[in-house]
């Protein structure tokens, strides 16, 4: 969370183009559809360590929202803390 603590700014090297699966997970997370997001996450092998254009990761979004269940699942799947 060092980059998040620094507040950005995010540069193009900080994010990757998102696959349709990961893009869908980000969309669900940003809408607050956490149950749907968890189900979609369990239905796919999508990478969990990518950043969107705002520099956020799925782990960052889940932690910000206080979603311990999603945070645990992302960590279980290998999401990097830093």
PDB file of N, CA and C in Angstrom:
ATOM      1  N   UNK A   1       0.798  -1.201   0.000  1.00  0.00           N
ATOM      2  CA  UNK A   1       0.000   0.000   0.000  1.00  0.00           C
ATOM      3  C   UNK A   1       0.846   1.272   0.000  1.00  0.00           C
ATOM      4  N   UNK A   2       2.138   1.127  -0.240  1.00  0.00           N
ATOM      5  CA  UNK A   2       3.033   2.279  -0.216  1.00  0.00           C
ATOM      6  C   UNK A   2       2.630   3.328  -1.250  1.00  0.00           C
ATOM      7  N   UNK A   3       2.321   2.872  -2.466  1.00  0.00           N
ATOM      8  CA  UNK A   3       1.920   3.832  -3.500  1.00  0.00           C
ATOM      9  C   UNK A   3       0.603   4.507  -3.139  1.00  0.00           C
ATOM     10  N   UNK A   4      -0.306   3.743  -2.556  1.00  0.00           N
ATOM     11  CA  UNK A   4      -1.580   4.315  -2.133  1.00  0.00           C
ATOM     12  C   UNK A   4      -1.363   5.342  -1.029  1.00  0.00           C
ATOM     13  N   UNK A   5      -0.488   5.022  -0.087  1.00  0.00           N
ATOM     14  CA  UNK A   5      -0.195   5.950   0.995  1.00  0.00           C
ATOM     15  C   UNK A   5       0.435   7.234   0.458  1.00  0.00           C
ATOM     16  N   UNK A   6       1.201   7.102  -0.609  1.00  0.00           N
ATOM     17  CA  UNK A   6       1.824   8.271  -1.217  1.00  0.00           C
ATOM     18  C   UNK A   6       0.818   9.097  -2.005  1.00  0.00           C
ATOM     19  N   UNK A   7      -0.356   8.527  -2.256  1.00  0.00           N
ATOM     20  CA  UNK A   7      -1.414   9.263  -2.947  1.00  0.00           C
ATOM     21  C   UNK A   7      -1.229   9.406  -4.431  1.00  0.00           C
ATOM     22  N   UNK A   8      -0.391   8.594  -5.022  1.00  0.00           N
ATOM     23  CA  UNK A   8      -0.162   8.701  -6.457  1.00  0.00           C
ATOM     24  C   UNK A   8       0.912   9.750  -6.708  1.00  0.00           C
ATOM     25  N   UNK A   9       0.979  10.450  -7.777  1.00  0.00           N
ATOM     26  CA  UNK A   9       0.121  10.239  -8.948  1.00  0.00           C
ATOM     27  C   UNK A   9       0.478   8.938  -9.654  1.00  0.00           C
ATOM     28  N   UNK A  10      -0.494   8.388 -10.325  1.00  0.00           N
ATOM     29  CA  UNK A  10      -0.281   7.120 -11.016  1.00  0.00           C
ATOM     30  C   UNK A  10       0.250   7.400 -12.406  1.00  0.00           C
ATOM     31  N   UNK A  11       1.136   6.593 -12.843  1.00  0.00           N
ATOM     32  CA  UNK A  11       1.689   6.727 -14.188  1.00  0.00           C
ATOM     33  C   UNK A  11       1.280   5.501 -14.999  1.00  0.00           C
ATOM     34  N   UNK A  12       1.430   5.575 -16.314  1.00  0.00           N
ATOM     35  CA  UNK A  12       1.055   4.421 -17.137  1.00  0.00           C
ATOM     36  C   UNK A  12       1.781   3.137 -16.748  1.00  0.00           C
ATOM     37  N   UNK A  13       2.981   3.223 -16.188  1.00  0.00           N
ATOM     38  CA  UNK A  13       3.693   2.001 -15.812  1.00  0.00           C
ATOM     39  C   UNK A  13       3.085   1.341 -14.588  1.00  0.00           C
ATOM     40  N   UNK A  14       2.208   2.040 -13.859  1.00  0.00           N
ATOM     41  CA  UNK A  14       1.602   1.500 -12.651  1.00  0.00           C
ATOM     42  C   UNK A  14       0.350   0.658 -12.919  1.00  0.00           C
ATOM     43  N   UNK A  15      -0.121   0.633 -14.148  1.00  0.00           N
ATOM     44  CA  UNK A  15      -1.315  -0.155 -14.426  1.00  0.00           C
ATOM     45  C   UNK A  15      -1.110  -0.976 -15.692  1.00  0.00           C
ATOM     46  N   UNK A  16      -1.932  -1.988 -15.811  1.00  0.00           N
ATOM     47  CA  UNK A  16      -1.859  -2.872 -16.960  1.00  0.00           C
ATOM     48  C   UNK A  16      -3.219  -2.870 -17.657  1.00  0.00           C
ATOM     49  N   UNK A  17      -3.200  -3.212 -18.932  1.00  0.00           N
ATOM     50  CA  UNK A  17      -4.469  -3.387 -19.638  1.00  0.00           C
ATOM     51  C   UNK A  17      -5.210  -4.545 -18.967  1.00  0.00           C
ATOM     52  N   UNK A  18      -6.485  -4.360 -18.721  1.00  0.00           N
ATOM     53  CA  UNK A  18      -7.260  -5.367 -17.998  1.00  0.00           C
ATOM     54  C   UNK A  18      -7.941  -6.328 -18.957  1.00  0.00           C
ATOM     55  N   UNK A  19      -7.871  -7.598 -18.627  1.00  0.00           N
ATOM     56  CA  UNK A  19      -8.610  -8.597 -19.397  1.00  0.00           C
ATOM     57  C   UNK A  19     -10.097  -8.371 -19.132  1.00  0.00           C
ATOM     58  N   UNK A  20     -10.957  -8.880 -19.989  1.00  0.00           N
ATOM     59  CA  UNK A  20     -12.398  -8.725 -19.751  1.00  0.00           C
ATOM     60  C   UNK A  20     -12.833  -9.287 -18.390  1.00  0.00           C
ATOM     61  N   UNK A  21     -12.233 -10.404 -17.977  1.00  0.00           N
ATOM     62  CA  UNK A  21     -12.586 -10.993 -16.677  1.00  0.00           C
ATOM     63  C   UNK A  21     -12.231 -10.061 -15.533  1.00  0.00           C
ATOM     64  N   UNK A  22     -11.019  -9.520 -15.559  1.00  0.00           N
ATOM     65  CA  UNK A  22     -10.569  -8.636 -14.489  1.00  0.00           C
ATOM     66  C   UNK A  22     -11.328  -7.320 -14.539  1.00  0.00           C
ATOM     67  N   UNK A  23     -11.578  -6.827 -15.736  1.00  0.00           N
ATOM     68  CA  UNK A  23     -12.349  -5.594 -15.886  1.00  0.00           C
ATOM     69  C   UNK A  23     -13.727  -5.742 -15.246  1.00  0.00           C
ATOM     70  N   UNK A  24     -14.343  -6.890 -15.442  1.00  0.00           N
ATOM     71  CA  UNK A  24     -15.645  -7.164 -14.837  1.00  0.00           C
ATOM     72  C   UNK A  24     -15.558  -7.172 -13.310  1.00  0.00           C
ATOM     73  N   UNK A  25     -14.479  -7.762 -12.767  1.00  0.00           N
ATOM     74  CA  UNK A  25     -14.296  -7.779 -11.313  1.00  0.00           C
ATOM     75  C   UNK A  25     -14.157  -6.362 -10.763  1.00  0.00           C
ATOM     76  N   UNK A  26     -13.396  -5.517 -11.452  1.00  0.00           N
ATOM     77  CA  UNK A  26     -13.249  -4.127 -11.024  1.00  0.00           C
ATOM     78  C   UNK A  26     -14.594  -3.397 -11.074  1.00  0.00           C
ATOM     79  N   UNK A  27     -15.360  -3.637 -12.139  1.00  0.00           N
ATOM     80  CA  UNK A  27     -16.659  -2.988 -12.267  1.00  0.00           C
ATOM     81  C   UNK A  27     -17.570  -3.367 -11.101  1.00  0.00           C
ATOM     82  N   UNK A  28     -17.604  -4.653 -10.766  1.00  0.00           N
ATOM     83  CA  UNK A  28     -18.436  -5.109  -9.651  1.00  0.00           C
ATOM     84  C   UNK A  28     -17.959  -4.515  -8.325  1.00  0.00           C
ATOM     85  N   UNK A  29     -16.646  -4.467  -8.128  1.00  0.00           N
ATOM     86  CA  UNK A  29     -16.091  -3.908  -6.898  1.00  0.00           C
ATOM     87  C   UNK A  29     -16.430  -2.428  -6.777  1.00  0.00           C
ATOM     88  N   UNK A  30     -16.284  -1.683  -7.841  1.00  0.00           N
ATOM     89  CA  UNK A  30     -16.573  -0.242  -7.797  1.00  0.00           C
ATOM     90  C   UNK A  30     -18.056   0.042  -7.598  1.00  0.00           C
ATOM     91  N   UNK A  31     -18.916  -0.889  -8.026  1.00  0.00           N
ATOM     92  CA  UNK A  31     -20.363  -0.742  -7.790  1.00  0.00           C
ATOM     93  C   UNK A  31     -20.758  -1.178  -6.391  1.00  0.00           C
ATOM     94  N   UNK A  32     -19.847  -1.838  -5.680  1.00  0.00           N
ATOM     95  CA  UNK A  32     -20.168  -2.340  -4.352  1.00  0.00           C
ATOM     96  C   UNK A  32     -20.923  -3.652  -4.382  1.00  0.00           C
ATOM     97  N   UNK A  33     -20.869  -4.341  -5.517  1.00  0.00           N
ATOM     98  CA  UNK A  33     -21.536  -5.632  -5.670  1.00  0.00           C
ATOM     99  C   UNK A  33     -20.565  -6.733  -5.236  1.00  0.00           C
ATOM    100  N   UNK A  34     -20.254  -6.741  -3.942  1.00  0.00           N
ATOM    101  CA  UNK A  34     -19.209  -7.619  -3.422  1.00  0.00           C
ATOM    102  C   UNK A  34     -19.569  -9.093  -3.495  1.00  0.00           C
ATOM    103  N   UNK A  35     -20.806  -9.452  -3.260  1.00  0.00           N
ATOM    104  CA  UNK A  35     -21.207 -10.869  -3.360  1.00  0.00           C
ATOM    105  C   UNK A  35     -21.050 -11.369  -4.786  1.00  0.00           C
ATOM    106  N   UNK A  36     -21.475 -10.553  -5.745  1.00  0.00           N
ATOM    107  CA  UNK A  36     -21.312 -10.922  -7.156  1.00  0.00           C
ATOM    108  C   UNK A  36     -19.834 -11.002  -7.522  1.00  0.00           C
ATOM    109  N   UNK A  37     -19.059 -10.075  -6.980  1.00  0.00           N
ATOM    110  CA  UNK A  37     -17.633 -10.054  -7.267  1.00  0.00           C
ATOM    111  C   UNK A  37     -16.964 -11.320  -6.743  1.00  0.00           C
ATOM    112  N   UNK A  38     -17.305 -11.733  -5.523  1.00  0.00           N
ATOM    113  CA  UNK A  38     -16.740 -12.961  -4.959  1.00  0.00           C
ATOM    114  C   UNK A  38     -17.122 -14.176  -5.797  1.00  0.00           C
ATOM    115  N   UNK A  39     -18.373 -14.234  -6.241  1.00  0.00           N
ATOM    116  CA  UNK A  39     -18.803 -15.358  -7.073  1.00  0.00           C
ATOM    117  C   UNK A  39     -18.043 -15.361  -8.392  1.00  0.00           C
ATOM    118  N   UNK A  40     -17.932 -14.205  -9.029  1.00  0.00           N
ATOM    119  CA  UNK A  40     -17.187 -14.124 -10.287  1.00  0.00           C
ATOM    120  C   UNK A  40     -15.729 -14.485 -10.083  1.00  0.00           C
ATOM    121  N   UNK A  41     -15.168 -14.067  -8.968  1.00  0.00           N
ATOM    122  CA  UNK A  41     -13.777 -14.387  -8.658  1.00  0.00           C
ATOM    123  C   UNK A  41     -13.587 -15.889  -8.517  1.00  0.00           C
ATOM    124  N   UNK A  42     -14.546 -16.555  -7.884  1.00  0.00           N
ATOM    125  CA  UNK A  42     -14.424 -18.001  -7.705  1.00  0.00           C
ATOM    126  C   UNK A  42     -14.645 -18.764  -9.007  1.00  0.00           C
ATOM    127  N   UNK A  43     -15.306 -18.125  -9.984  1.00  0.00           N
ATOM    128  CA  UNK A  43     -15.575 -18.765 -11.267  1.00  0.00           C
ATOM    129  C   UNK A  43     -14.455 -18.569 -12.289  1.00  0.00           C
ATOM    130  N   UNK A  44     -13.407 -17.842 -11.907  1.00  0.00           N
ATOM    131  CA  UNK A  44     -12.355 -17.527 -12.858  1.00  0.00           C
ATOM    132  C   UNK A  44     -10.975 -17.684 -12.233  1.00  0.00           C
ATOM    133  N   UNK A  45      -9.988 -17.738 -13.058  1.00  0.00           N
ATOM    134  CA  UNK A  45      -8.596 -17.749 -12.603  1.00  0.00           C
ATOM    135  C   UNK A  45      -7.934 -16.411 -12.914  1.00  0.00           C
ATOM    136  N   UNK A  46      -8.729 -15.365 -12.923  1.00  0.00           N
ATOM    137  CA  UNK A  46      -8.222 -14.039 -13.265  1.00  0.00           C
ATOM    138  C   UNK A  46      -7.141 -13.602 -12.293  1.00  0.00           C
ATOM    139  N   UNK A  47      -6.147 -12.898 -12.815  1.00  0.00           N
ATOM    140  CA  UNK A  47      -5.086 -12.361 -11.976  1.00  0.00           C
ATOM    141  C   UNK A  47      -5.637 -11.317 -11.018  1.00  0.00           C
ATOM    142  N   UNK A  48      -5.113 -11.320  -9.818  1.00  0.00           N
ATOM    143  CA  UNK A  48      -5.626 -10.389  -8.803  1.00  0.00           C
ATOM    144  C   UNK A  48      -4.641  -9.267  -8.499  1.00  0.00           C
ATOM    145  N   UNK A  49      -3.509  -9.245  -9.169  1.00  0.00           N
ATOM    146  CA  UNK A  49      -2.491  -8.232  -8.880  1.00  0.00           C
ATOM    147  C   UNK A  49      -2.319  -7.221  -9.995  1.00  0.00           C
ATOM    148  N   UNK A  50      -3.388  -6.770 -10.564  1.00  0.00           N
ATOM    149  CA  UNK A  50      -3.298  -5.739 -11.596  1.00  0.00           C
ATOM    150  C   UNK A  50      -3.896  -4.451 -11.048  1.00  0.00           C
ATOM    151  N   UNK A  51      -3.479  -3.344 -11.628  1.00  0.00           N
ATOM    152  CA  UNK A  51      -4.007  -2.031 -11.254  1.00  0.00           C
ATOM    153  C   UNK A  51      -4.881  -1.517 -12.389  1.00  0.00           C
ATOM    154  N   UNK A  52      -5.935  -0.832 -12.019  1.00  0.00           N
ATOM    155  CA  UNK A  52      -6.740  -0.181 -13.041  1.00  0.00           C
ATOM    156  C   UNK A  52      -6.113   1.178 -13.354  1.00  0.00           C
ATOM    157  N   UNK A  53      -6.741   1.948 -14.234  1.00  0.00           N
ATOM    158  CA  UNK A  53      -6.166   3.229 -14.652  1.00  0.00           C
ATOM    159  C   UNK A  53      -6.073   4.229 -13.510  1.00  0.00           C
ATOM    160  N   UNK A  54      -6.798   4.011 -12.414  1.00  0.00           N
ATOM    161  CA  UNK A  54      -6.720   4.887 -11.254  1.00  0.00           C
ATOM    162  C   UNK A  54      -5.637   4.440 -10.272  1.00  0.00           C
ATOM    163  N   UNK A  55      -4.966   3.325 -10.584  1.00  0.00           N
ATOM    164  CA  UNK A  55      -3.911   2.816  -9.721  1.00  0.00           C
ATOM    165  C   UNK A  55      -4.397   1.889  -8.629  1.00  0.00           C
ATOM    166  N   UNK A  56      -5.685   1.572  -8.620  1.00  0.00           N
ATOM    167  CA  UNK A  56      -6.249   0.708  -7.580  1.00  0.00           C
ATOM    168  C   UNK A  56      -6.095  -0.756  -7.951  1.00  0.00           C
ATOM    169  N   UNK A  57      -5.991  -1.585  -6.928  1.00  0.00           N
ATOM    170  CA  UNK A  57      -6.043  -3.029  -7.113  1.00  0.00           C
ATOM    171  C   UNK A  57      -7.360  -3.511  -6.505  1.00  0.00           C
ATOM    172  N   UNK A  58      -7.725  -4.739  -6.805  1.00  0.00           N
ATOM    173  CA  UNK A  58      -8.934  -5.296  -6.195  1.00  0.00           C
ATOM    174  C   UNK A  58      -8.779  -5.345  -4.680  1.00  0.00           C
ATOM    175  N   UNK A  59      -7.567  -5.651  -4.228  1.00  0.00           N
ATOM    176  CA  UNK A  59      -7.302  -5.695  -2.789  1.00  0.00           C
ATOM    177  C   UNK A  59      -7.483  -4.314  -2.165  1.00  0.00           C
ATOM    178  N   UNK A  60      -6.989  -3.294  -2.821  1.00  0.00           N
ATOM    179  CA  UNK A  60      -7.147  -1.924  -2.322  1.00  0.00           C
ATOM    180  C   UNK A  60      -8.625  -1.562  -2.190  1.00  0.00           C
ATOM    181  N   UNK A  61      -9.403  -1.871  -3.217  1.00  0.00           N
ATOM    182  CA  UNK A  61     -10.828  -1.539  -3.194  1.00  0.00           C
ATOM    183  C   UNK A  61     -11.556  -2.286  -2.082  1.00  0.00           C
ATOM    184  N   UNK A  62     -11.235  -3.564  -1.922  1.00  0.00           N
ATOM    185  CA  UNK A  62     -11.887  -4.358  -0.874  1.00  0.00           C
ATOM    186  C   UNK A  62     -11.513  -3.845   0.512  1.00  0.00           C
ATOM    187  N   UNK A  63     -10.246  -3.534   0.708  1.00  0.00           N
ATOM    188  CA  UNK A  63      -9.800  -3.033   2.011  1.00  0.00           C
ATOM    189  C   UNK A  63     -10.434  -1.681   2.325  1.00  0.00           C
ATOM    190  N   UNK A  64     -10.491  -0.805   1.343  1.00  0.00           N
ATOM    191  CA  UNK A  64     -11.123   0.510   1.543  1.00  0.00           C
ATOM    192  C   UNK A  64     -12.584   0.368   1.950  1.00  0.00           C
ATOM    193  N   UNK A  65     -13.253  -0.618   1.362  1.00  0.00           N
ATOM    194  CA  UNK A  65     -14.677  -0.827   1.633  1.00  0.00           C
ATOM    195  C   UNK A  65     -14.912  -1.602   2.922  1.00  0.00           C
ATOM    196  N   UNK A  66     -13.822  -2.069   3.560  1.00  0.00           N
ATOM    197  CA  UNK A  66     -13.970  -2.823   4.795  1.00  0.00           C
ATOM    198  C   UNK A  66     -14.511  -4.225   4.579  1.00  0.00           C
ATOM    199  N   UNK A  67     -14.302  -4.775   3.387  1.00  0.00           N
ATOM    200  CA  UNK A  67     -14.808  -6.110   3.063  1.00  0.00           C
ATOM    201  C   UNK A  67     -13.762  -7.163   3.398  1.00  0.00           C
ATOM    202  N   UNK A  68     -13.791  -7.600   4.636  1.00  0.00           N
ATOM    203  CA  UNK A  68     -12.825  -8.577   5.125  1.00  0.00           C
ATOM    204  C   UNK A  68     -12.926  -9.895   4.357  1.00  0.00           C
ATOM    205  N   UNK A  69     -14.130 -10.308   4.017  1.00  0.00           N
ATOM    206  CA  UNK A  69     -14.299 -11.567   3.287  1.00  0.00           C
ATOM    207  C   UNK A  69     -13.612 -11.526   1.924  1.00  0.00           C
ATOM    208  N   UNK A  70     -13.764 -10.423   1.221  1.00  0.00           N
ATOM    209  CA  UNK A  70     -13.142 -10.287  -0.099  1.00  0.00           C
ATOM    210  C   UNK A  70     -11.632 -10.127   0.054  1.00  0.00           C
ATOM    211  N   UNK A  71     -11.222  -9.335   1.032  1.00  0.00           N
ATOM    212  CA  UNK A  71      -9.796  -9.135   1.286  1.00  0.00           C
ATOM    213  C   UNK A  71      -9.114 -10.469   1.561  1.00  0.00           C
ATOM    214  N   UNK A  72      -9.715 -11.282   2.401  1.00  0.00           N
ATOM    215  CA  UNK A  72      -9.142 -12.607   2.704  1.00  0.00           C
ATOM    216  C   UNK A  72      -9.041 -13.480   1.459  1.00  0.00           C
ATOM    217  N   UNK A  73     -10.084 -13.469   0.648  1.00  0.00           N
ATOM    218  CA  UNK A  73     -10.078 -14.289  -0.567  1.00  0.00           C
ATOM    219  C   UNK A  73      -8.994 -13.823  -1.536  1.00  0.00           C
ATOM    220  N   UNK A  74      -8.841 -12.530  -1.686  1.00  0.00           N
ATOM    221  CA  UNK A  74      -7.811 -12.008  -2.580  1.00  0.00           C
ATOM    222  C   UNK A  74      -6.412 -12.351  -2.079  1.00  0.00           C
ATOM    223  N   UNK A  75      -6.213 -12.239  -0.775  1.00  0.00           N
ATOM    224  CA  UNK A  75      -4.921 -12.632  -0.191  1.00  0.00           C
ATOM    225  C   UNK A  75      -4.671 -14.123  -0.361  1.00  0.00           C
ATOM    226  N   UNK A  76      -5.717 -14.914  -0.191  1.00  0.00           N
ATOM    227  CA  UNK A  76      -5.603 -16.359  -0.386  1.00  0.00           C
ATOM    228  C   UNK A  76      -5.191 -16.680  -1.814  1.00  0.00           C
ATOM    229  N   UNK A  77      -5.656 -15.862  -2.751  1.00  0.00           N
ATOM    230  CA  UNK A  77      -5.334 -16.058  -4.168  1.00  0.00           C
ATOM    231  C   UNK A  77      -3.992 -15.450  -4.560  1.00  0.00           C
ATOM    232  N   UNK A  78      -3.288 -14.881  -3.584  1.00  0.00           N
ATOM    233  CA  UNK A  78      -1.932 -14.394  -3.869  1.00  0.00           C
ATOM    234  C   UNK A  78      -1.799 -12.905  -4.132  1.00  0.00           C
ATOM    235  N   UNK A  79      -2.830 -12.133  -3.822  1.00  0.00           N
ATOM    236  CA  UNK A  79      -2.725 -10.683  -4.008  1.00  0.00           C
ATOM    237  C   UNK A  79      -1.580 -10.141  -3.154  1.00  0.00           C
ATOM    238  N   UNK A  80      -0.779  -9.282  -3.759  1.00  0.00           N
ATOM    239  CA  UNK A  80       0.360  -8.702  -3.059  1.00  0.00           C
ATOM    240  C   UNK A  80      -0.089  -7.515  -2.215  1.00  0.00           C
ATOM    241  N   UNK A  81       0.426  -7.439  -1.014  1.00  0.00           N
ATOM    242  CA  UNK A  81       0.047  -6.374  -0.090  1.00  0.00           C
ATOM    243  C   UNK A  81       0.697  -5.055  -0.478  1.00  0.00           C
ATOM    244  N   UNK A  82       1.881  -5.075  -0.980  1.00  0.00           N
ATOM    245  CA  UNK A  82       2.581  -3.839  -1.366  1.00  0.00           C
ATOM    246  C   UNK A  82       2.381  -3.575  -2.844  1.00  0.00           C
TER     247      UNK A  82
END
